[in-house]
Amino acid sequence: METTSPSQDRILLYGNKKLMSVLYKEILYLEADNSYLSVYLSRNREPVLLFQSLSQASELLQNNYFFQISRNHIVNLTKVKTIDVCHKKLYLDNKIELCISSDRLDDCIVAYSKIHDVILGKLPTRISNMLSNPQNLPFNP
């Protein structure tokens, strides 16, 4: 995956013997499987299969509302509808369910909270503390 400028709203994907220009907001999530990466888009049923590592993709998707929820998944936080804290799962726009690693759950909740202006309800204290002290965050939302 490659972009020419971090400020652009598109990314080029080369997979399935095609070069595609894709809006970041069209990406639902990425799933790693050995040395292959499946990119799931809102406009396609079938994923785009890339010969790329998840860590390489993660570097390119920094600061574009993407968050690595597990060893094998990066999600577009703007596509997340629900985070089930008790069961460590999140649900995307299209009812896809993905598991969140225990060690990434708090950071995921914080990152998800950061892209929304208003939060109704009381968050767990550890999450509220992380949100009120952004310099202590383990990532740059």
N, C-alpha and C. Protein backbone atom coordinates (compact mmCIF):
# COMPACT_ATOMS: atom_id res chain seq x y z
N MET A 1 0.85 -1.17 0.00
CA MET A 1 0.00 0.00 0.00
C MET A 1 0.89 1.22 0.00
N GLU A 2 0.46 2.23 -0.71
CA GLU A 2 1.32 3.38 -0.86
C GLU A 2 0.49 4.63 -1.06
N THR A 3 0.92 5.72 -0.44
CA THR A 3 0.29 7.01 -0.68
C THR A 3 1.36 7.97 -1.13
N THR A 4 0.96 9.01 -1.84
CA THR A 4 1.92 10.01 -2.27
C THR A 4 2.00 11.15 -1.29
N SER A 5 0.97 11.35 -0.49
CA SER A 5 0.94 12.43 0.48
C SER A 5 0.05 12.02 1.64
N PRO A 6 0.51 12.22 2.90
CA PRO A 6 -0.30 11.82 4.03
C PRO A 6 -1.61 12.61 4.14
N SER A 7 -1.69 13.78 3.49
CA SER A 7 -2.89 14.59 3.60
C SER A 7 -3.99 14.16 2.64
N GLN A 8 -3.67 13.29 1.70
CA GLN A 8 -4.68 12.84 0.76
C GLN A 8 -5.70 11.96 1.45
N ASP A 9 -6.89 11.91 0.89
CA ASP A 9 -7.94 11.09 1.46
C ASP A 9 -8.07 9.74 0.76
N ARG A 10 -7.08 9.41 -0.07
CA ARG A 10 -7.09 8.15 -0.81
C ARG A 10 -5.79 7.39 -0.59
N ILE A 11 -5.89 6.10 -0.84
CA ILE A 11 -4.72 5.23 -0.78
C ILE A 11 -4.77 4.31 -2.00
N LEU A 12 -3.62 3.95 -2.52
CA LEU A 12 -3.56 3.02 -3.64
C LEU A 12 -3.38 1.60 -3.10
N LEU A 13 -4.21 0.69 -3.58
CA LEU A 13 -4.10 -0.72 -3.22
C LEU A 13 -3.76 -1.49 -4.48
N TYR A 14 -2.74 -2.34 -4.39
CA TYR A 14 -2.44 -3.24 -5.50
C TYR A 14 -2.68 -4.65 -5.03
N GLY A 15 -3.75 -5.23 -5.53
CA GLY A 15 -4.12 -6.59 -5.17
C GLY A 15 -5.12 -7.13 -6.16
N ASN A 16 -5.25 -8.44 -6.19
CA ASN A 16 -6.16 -9.09 -7.13
C ASN A 16 -5.85 -8.68 -8.57
N LYS A 17 -4.57 -8.44 -8.84
CA LYS A 17 -4.07 -8.05 -10.16
C LYS A 17 -4.69 -6.74 -10.65
N LYS A 18 -5.00 -5.83 -9.68
CA LYS A 18 -5.56 -4.53 -10.01
C LYS A 18 -4.91 -3.47 -9.13
N LEU A 19 -4.78 -2.29 -9.66
CA LEU A 19 -4.34 -1.13 -8.88
C LEU A 19 -5.57 -0.26 -8.68
N MET A 20 -5.95 -0.07 -7.41
CA MET A 20 -7.18 0.66 -7.10
C MET A 20 -6.90 1.86 -6.22
N SER A 21 -7.56 2.95 -6.53
CA SER A 21 -7.55 4.12 -5.68
C SER A 21 -8.77 4.03 -4.78
N VAL A 22 -8.53 4.02 -3.47
CA VAL A 22 -9.60 3.79 -2.50
C VAL A 22 -9.61 4.92 -1.49
N LEU A 23 -10.79 5.41 -1.17
CA LEU A 23 -10.91 6.38 -0.09
C LEU A 23 -10.66 5.68 1.24
N TYR A 24 -9.94 6.36 2.13
CA TYR A 24 -9.70 5.77 3.46
C TYR A 24 -11.03 5.39 4.11
N LYS A 25 -12.04 6.23 3.94
CA LYS A 25 -13.32 5.98 4.60
C LYS A 25 -14.05 4.75 4.04
N GLU A 26 -13.60 4.23 2.91
CA GLU A 26 -14.20 3.00 2.36
C GLU A 26 -13.64 1.74 3.00
N ILE A 27 -12.51 1.85 3.68
CA ILE A 27 -11.89 0.68 4.30
C ILE A 27 -12.61 0.38 5.61
N LEU A 28 -13.13 -0.85 5.71
CA LEU A 28 -13.78 -1.28 6.95
C LEU A 28 -12.75 -1.79 7.94
N TYR A 29 -11.95 -2.78 7.48
CA TYR A 29 -10.90 -3.32 8.33
C TYR A 29 -9.91 -4.10 7.49
N LEU A 30 -8.78 -4.41 8.11
CA LEU A 30 -7.73 -5.20 7.49
C LEU A 30 -7.50 -6.43 8.35
N GLU A 31 -7.23 -7.54 7.68
CA GLU A 31 -7.01 -8.80 8.39
C GLU A 31 -5.75 -9.48 7.86
N ALA A 32 -4.83 -9.79 8.77
CA ALA A 32 -3.57 -10.43 8.40
C ALA A 32 -3.71 -11.94 8.46
N ASP A 33 -3.07 -12.59 7.49
CA ASP A 33 -3.00 -14.04 7.46
C ASP A 33 -1.64 -14.41 6.87
N ASN A 34 -0.70 -14.74 7.76
CA ASN A 34 0.69 -14.98 7.36
C ASN A 34 1.25 -13.75 6.65
N SER A 35 1.70 -13.88 5.42
CA SER A 35 2.28 -12.73 4.72
C SER A 35 1.28 -12.03 3.80
N TYR A 36 0.01 -12.39 3.93
CA TYR A 36 -1.03 -11.75 3.13
C TYR A 36 -1.90 -10.86 4.01
N LEU A 37 -2.49 -9.88 3.37
CA LEU A 37 -3.35 -8.94 4.06
C LEU A 37 -4.63 -8.80 3.26
N SER A 38 -5.75 -9.03 3.92
CA SER A 38 -7.06 -8.85 3.28
C SER A 38 -7.60 -7.49 3.70
N VAL A 39 -7.96 -6.68 2.72
CA VAL A 39 -8.53 -5.36 2.97
C VAL A 39 -10.02 -5.43 2.62
N TYR A 40 -10.85 -5.23 3.62
CA TYR A 40 -12.29 -5.29 3.42
C TYR A 40 -12.82 -3.87 3.21
N LEU A 41 -13.51 -3.69 2.11
CA LEU A 41 -14.03 -2.38 1.72
C LEU A 41 -15.55 -2.35 1.83
N SER A 42 -16.09 -1.19 2.05
CA SER A 42 -17.54 -1.06 2.15
C SER A 42 -18.24 -1.30 0.81
N ARG A 43 -17.51 -1.13 -0.29
CA ARG A 43 -18.14 -1.28 -1.61
C ARG A 43 -17.99 -2.68 -2.22
N ASN A 44 -17.21 -3.55 -1.62
CA ASN A 44 -16.96 -4.89 -2.18
C ASN A 44 -17.33 -5.95 -1.16
N ARG A 45 -17.83 -7.06 -1.65
CA ARG A 45 -18.08 -8.20 -0.77
C ARG A 45 -16.79 -8.97 -0.54
N GLU A 46 -16.01 -9.11 -1.59
CA GLU A 46 -14.75 -9.84 -1.50
C GLU A 46 -13.62 -8.89 -1.10
N PRO A 47 -12.73 -9.33 -0.22
CA PRO A 47 -11.62 -8.45 0.17
C PRO A 47 -10.59 -8.33 -0.95
N VAL A 48 -9.81 -7.26 -0.86
CA VAL A 48 -8.66 -7.09 -1.74
C VAL A 48 -7.50 -7.78 -1.04
N LEU A 49 -6.88 -8.73 -1.72
CA LEU A 49 -5.80 -9.50 -1.14
C LEU A 49 -4.46 -8.90 -1.54
N LEU A 50 -3.66 -8.52 -0.55
CA LEU A 50 -2.36 -7.88 -0.78
C LEU A 50 -1.24 -8.75 -0.22
N PHE A 51 -0.08 -8.65 -0.83
CA PHE A 51 1.11 -9.30 -0.29
C PHE A 51 1.82 -8.23 0.53
N GLN A 52 1.40 -8.12 1.80
CA GLN A 52 1.88 -7.04 2.67
C GLN A 52 1.67 -7.47 4.11
N SER A 53 2.50 -6.97 5.01
CA SER A 53 2.33 -7.29 6.42
C SER A 53 1.41 -6.27 7.08
N LEU A 54 0.82 -6.67 8.19
CA LEU A 54 -0.06 -5.78 8.94
C LEU A 54 0.73 -4.60 9.51
N SER A 55 1.96 -4.84 9.92
CA SER A 55 2.77 -3.75 10.49
C SER A 55 3.10 -2.70 9.42
N GLN A 56 3.36 -3.12 8.19
CA GLN A 56 3.59 -2.16 7.11
C GLN A 56 2.33 -1.34 6.85
N ALA A 57 1.19 -1.99 6.83
CA ALA A 57 -0.07 -1.29 6.61
C ALA A 57 -0.35 -0.32 7.76
N SER A 58 -0.05 -0.75 8.97
CA SER A 58 -0.29 0.09 10.14
C SER A 58 0.47 1.41 10.05
N GLU A 59 1.71 1.35 9.58
CA GLU A 59 2.51 2.57 9.42
C GLU A 59 1.88 3.53 8.41
N LEU A 60 1.33 2.99 7.34
CA LEU A 60 0.71 3.83 6.31
C LEU A 60 -0.64 4.38 6.72
N LEU A 61 -1.29 3.73 7.65
CA LEU A 61 -2.62 4.15 8.06
C LEU A 61 -2.62 4.96 9.35
N GLN A 62 -1.47 5.36 9.82
CA GLN A 62 -1.39 6.15 11.04
C GLN A 62 -2.19 7.43 10.91
N ASN A 63 -2.85 7.81 12.01
CA ASN A 63 -3.57 9.08 12.11
C ASN A 63 -4.70 9.23 11.10
N ASN A 64 -5.23 8.14 10.59
CA ASN A 64 -6.36 8.19 9.68
C ASN A 64 -7.54 7.42 10.25
N TYR A 65 -7.72 7.49 11.57
CA TYR A 65 -8.82 6.83 12.25
C TYR A 65 -8.73 5.30 12.22
N PHE A 66 -7.55 4.78 12.06
CA PHE A 66 -7.37 3.33 12.07
C PHE A 66 -6.70 2.93 13.37
N PHE A 67 -7.09 1.75 13.88
CA PHE A 67 -6.55 1.29 15.15
C PHE A 67 -6.37 -0.22 15.10
N GLN A 68 -5.22 -0.69 15.57
CA GLN A 68 -4.95 -2.12 15.59
C GLN A 68 -5.56 -2.71 16.86
N ILE A 69 -6.59 -3.54 16.68
CA ILE A 69 -7.31 -4.11 17.82
C ILE A 69 -6.78 -5.46 18.26
N SER A 70 -5.98 -6.09 17.41
CA SER A 70 -5.41 -7.40 17.74
C SER A 70 -4.19 -7.63 16.86
N ARG A 71 -3.57 -8.76 17.06
CA ARG A 71 -2.40 -9.10 16.26
C ARG A 71 -2.73 -9.20 14.78
N ASN A 72 -3.99 -9.51 14.47
CA ASN A 72 -4.38 -9.76 13.08
C ASN A 72 -5.32 -8.74 12.47
N HIS A 73 -5.77 -7.74 13.24
CA HIS A 73 -6.78 -6.82 12.71
C HIS A 73 -6.47 -5.35 12.98
N ILE A 74 -6.73 -4.55 11.97
CA ILE A 74 -6.77 -3.09 12.09
C ILE A 74 -8.16 -2.67 11.63
N VAL A 75 -8.83 -1.81 12.40
CA VAL A 75 -10.17 -1.37 12.02
C VAL A 75 -10.20 0.13 11.76
N ASN A 76 -11.14 0.52 10.93
CA ASN A 76 -11.45 1.92 10.70
C ASN A 76 -12.45 2.30 11.80
N LEU A 77 -12.01 3.11 12.76
CA LEU A 77 -12.85 3.44 13.90
C LEU A 77 -14.12 4.19 13.51
N THR A 78 -14.12 4.86 12.37
CA THR A 78 -15.33 5.56 11.94
C THR A 78 -16.43 4.59 11.49
N LYS A 79 -16.07 3.33 11.27
CA LYS A 79 -17.03 2.30 10.86
C LYS A 79 -17.54 1.47 12.04
N VAL A 80 -16.99 1.70 13.23
CA VAL A 80 -17.40 0.95 14.41
C VAL A 80 -18.71 1.51 14.94
N LYS A 81 -19.68 0.63 15.14
CA LYS A 81 -20.97 1.03 15.70
C LYS A 81 -21.05 0.77 17.19
N THR A 82 -20.46 -0.34 17.64
CA THR A 82 -20.56 -0.73 19.05
C THR A 82 -19.27 -1.40 19.49
N ILE A 83 -18.86 -1.08 20.73
CA ILE A 83 -17.79 -1.81 21.38
C ILE A 83 -18.40 -2.49 22.59
N ASP A 84 -18.36 -3.82 22.61
CA ASP A 84 -18.86 -4.61 23.73
C ASP A 84 -17.67 -4.84 24.67
N VAL A 85 -17.61 -4.04 25.71
CA VAL A 85 -16.47 -4.06 26.63
C VAL A 85 -16.39 -5.40 27.37
N CYS A 86 -17.51 -5.91 27.82
CA CYS A 86 -17.52 -7.17 28.58
C CYS A 86 -17.01 -8.34 27.77
N HIS A 87 -17.40 -8.42 26.50
CA HIS A 87 -17.01 -9.55 25.67
C HIS A 87 -15.81 -9.26 24.77
N LYS A 88 -15.27 -8.05 24.89
CA LYS A 88 -14.08 -7.63 24.12
C LYS A 88 -14.29 -7.83 22.62
N LYS A 89 -15.39 -7.26 22.13
CA LYS A 89 -15.72 -7.35 20.72
C LYS A 89 -16.16 -5.98 20.23
N LEU A 90 -16.00 -5.78 18.93
CA LEU A 90 -16.59 -4.59 18.33
C LEU A 90 -17.39 -5.00 17.11
N TYR A 91 -18.35 -4.15 16.77
CA TYR A 91 -19.25 -4.41 15.66
C TYR A 91 -19.16 -3.25 14.68
N LEU A 92 -18.98 -3.60 13.42
CA LEU A 92 -18.86 -2.58 12.37
C LEU A 92 -20.23 -2.28 11.77
N ASP A 93 -20.25 -1.26 10.91
CA ASP A 93 -21.47 -0.83 10.21
C ASP A 93 -22.27 -2.00 9.65
N ASN A 94 -21.58 -2.91 9.02
CA ASN A 94 -22.26 -4.00 8.32
C ASN A 94 -22.42 -5.25 9.17
N LYS A 95 -22.44 -5.08 10.48
CA LYS A 95 -22.68 -6.16 11.45
C LYS A 95 -21.55 -7.18 11.54
N ILE A 96 -20.39 -6.83 11.07
CA ILE A 96 -19.23 -7.70 11.25
C ILE A 96 -18.76 -7.58 12.69
N GLU A 97 -18.43 -8.71 13.28
CA GLU A 97 -17.98 -8.79 14.67
C GLU A 97 -16.51 -9.16 14.69
N LEU A 98 -15.71 -8.37 15.42
CA LEU A 98 -14.28 -8.65 15.55
C LEU A 98 -13.90 -8.63 17.02
N CYS A 99 -12.97 -9.50 17.40
CA CYS A 99 -12.49 -9.57 18.78
C CYS A 99 -11.37 -8.56 19.00
N ILE A 100 -11.36 -7.98 20.19
CA ILE A 100 -10.33 -7.02 20.59
C ILE A 100 -9.42 -7.73 21.60
N SER A 101 -8.12 -7.63 21.41
CA SER A 101 -7.17 -8.20 22.37
C SER A 101 -7.33 -7.52 23.72
N SER A 102 -7.20 -8.29 24.79
CA SER A 102 -7.33 -7.74 26.14
C SER A 102 -6.40 -6.56 26.37
N ASP A 103 -5.17 -6.67 25.87
CA ASP A 103 -4.19 -5.61 26.11
C ASP A 103 -4.42 -4.37 25.23
N ARG A 104 -5.35 -4.43 24.28
CA ARG A 104 -5.65 -3.30 23.40
C ARG A 104 -7.01 -2.67 23.69
N LEU A 105 -7.80 -3.30 24.57
CA LEU A 105 -9.18 -2.87 24.80
C LEU A 105 -9.27 -1.44 25.29
N ASP A 106 -8.55 -1.09 26.35
CA ASP A 106 -8.63 0.27 26.88
C ASP A 106 -8.20 1.31 25.84
N ASP A 107 -7.10 1.04 25.15
CA ASP A 107 -6.63 1.97 24.12
C ASP A 107 -7.63 2.10 22.99
N CYS A 108 -8.29 1.02 22.66
CA CYS A 108 -9.31 1.05 21.61
C CYS A 108 -10.49 1.93 22.03
N ILE A 109 -10.93 1.78 23.26
CA ILE A 109 -12.04 2.60 23.77
C ILE A 109 -11.65 4.08 23.75
N VAL A 110 -10.43 4.38 24.17
CA VAL A 110 -9.97 5.77 24.17
C VAL A 110 -9.91 6.32 22.74
N ALA A 111 -9.33 5.57 21.82
CA ALA A 111 -9.24 6.01 20.44
C ALA A 111 -10.63 6.22 19.84
N TYR A 112 -11.53 5.31 20.12
CA TYR A 112 -12.90 5.41 19.62
C TYR A 112 -13.60 6.63 20.22
N SER A 113 -13.37 6.88 21.50
CA SER A 113 -13.96 8.04 22.17
C SER A 113 -13.44 9.34 21.59
N LYS A 114 -12.17 9.35 21.18
CA LYS A 114 -11.55 10.57 20.66
C LYS A 114 -12.16 11.05 19.35
N ILE A 115 -12.75 10.14 18.57
CA ILE A 115 -13.30 10.56 17.28
C ILE A 115 -14.76 11.03 17.41
N HIS A 116 -15.29 11.00 18.63
CA HIS A 116 -16.65 11.47 18.88
C HIS A 116 -16.59 12.70 19.78
N ASP A 117 -17.47 13.65 19.54
CA ASP A 117 -17.47 14.90 20.29
C ASP A 117 -18.08 14.78 21.68
N VAL A 118 -19.10 13.96 21.80
CA VAL A 118 -19.85 13.87 23.05
C VAL A 118 -19.97 12.42 23.48
N ILE A 119 -19.80 12.19 24.77
CA ILE A 119 -19.99 10.85 25.33
C ILE A 119 -21.03 10.97 26.43
N LEU A 120 -22.12 10.24 26.29
CA LEU A 120 -23.13 10.19 27.34
C LEU A 120 -22.93 8.91 28.13
N GLY A 121 -23.04 9.01 29.43
CA GLY A 121 -22.82 7.84 30.27
C GLY A 121 -21.46 7.91 30.92
N LYS A 122 -21.27 7.12 31.93
CA LYS A 122 -20.02 7.14 32.70
C LYS A 122 -19.09 6.04 32.20
N LEU A 123 -17.92 6.47 31.73
CA LEU A 123 -16.90 5.52 31.31
C LEU A 123 -16.17 4.99 32.55
N PRO A 124 -15.57 3.80 32.45
CA PRO A 124 -14.75 3.32 33.58
C PRO A 124 -13.68 4.35 33.93
N THR A 125 -13.33 4.46 35.20
CA THR A 125 -12.39 5.47 35.68
C THR A 125 -11.06 5.43 34.93
N ARG A 126 -10.52 4.24 34.68
CA ARG A 126 -9.23 4.15 33.99
C ARG A 126 -9.30 4.77 32.59
N ILE A 127 -10.47 4.63 31.92
CA ILE A 127 -10.64 5.20 30.59
C ILE A 127 -10.78 6.71 30.69
N SER A 128 -11.58 7.18 31.62
CA SER A 128 -11.76 8.62 31.83
C SER A 128 -10.43 9.30 32.12
N ASN A 129 -9.61 8.66 32.94
CA ASN A 129 -8.29 9.22 33.26
C ASN A 129 -7.40 9.30 32.02
N MET A 130 -7.45 8.28 31.18
CA MET A 130 -6.65 8.30 29.95
C MET A 130 -7.12 9.42 29.02
N LEU A 131 -8.42 9.63 28.94
CA LEU A 131 -8.95 10.68 28.07
C LEU A 131 -8.62 12.07 28.59
N SER A 132 -8.58 12.23 29.90
CA SER A 132 -8.31 13.56 30.47
C SER A 132 -6.82 13.91 30.46
N ASN A 133 -5.95 12.92 30.23
CA ASN A 133 -4.50 13.16 30.18
C ASN A 133 -3.94 12.63 28.87
N PRO A 134 -4.17 13.35 27.75
CA PRO A 134 -3.76 12.83 26.45
C PRO A 134 -2.25 12.59 26.31
N GLN A 135 -1.42 13.27 27.10
CA GLN A 135 0.02 13.05 27.01
C GLN A 135 0.41 11.67 27.52
N ASN A 136 -0.47 11.00 28.25
CA ASN A 136 -0.19 9.67 28.77
C ASN A 136 -0.68 8.55 27.84
N LEU A 137 -1.27 8.92 26.73
CA LEU A 137 -1.78 7.91 25.82
C LEU A 137 -0.63 7.17 25.15
N PRO A 138 -0.78 5.87 24.93
CA PRO A 138 0.28 5.07 24.30
C PRO A 138 0.29 5.19 22.78
N PHE A 139 -0.51 6.08 22.22
CA PHE A 139 -0.60 6.26 20.78
C PHE A 139 -1.01 7.70 20.52
N ASN A 140 -0.99 8.12 19.28
CA ASN A 140 -1.39 9.47 18.92
C ASN A 140 -2.71 9.41 18.15
N PRO A 141 -3.85 9.67 18.83
CA PRO A 141 -5.14 9.54 18.15
C PRO A 141 -5.33 10.60 17.07
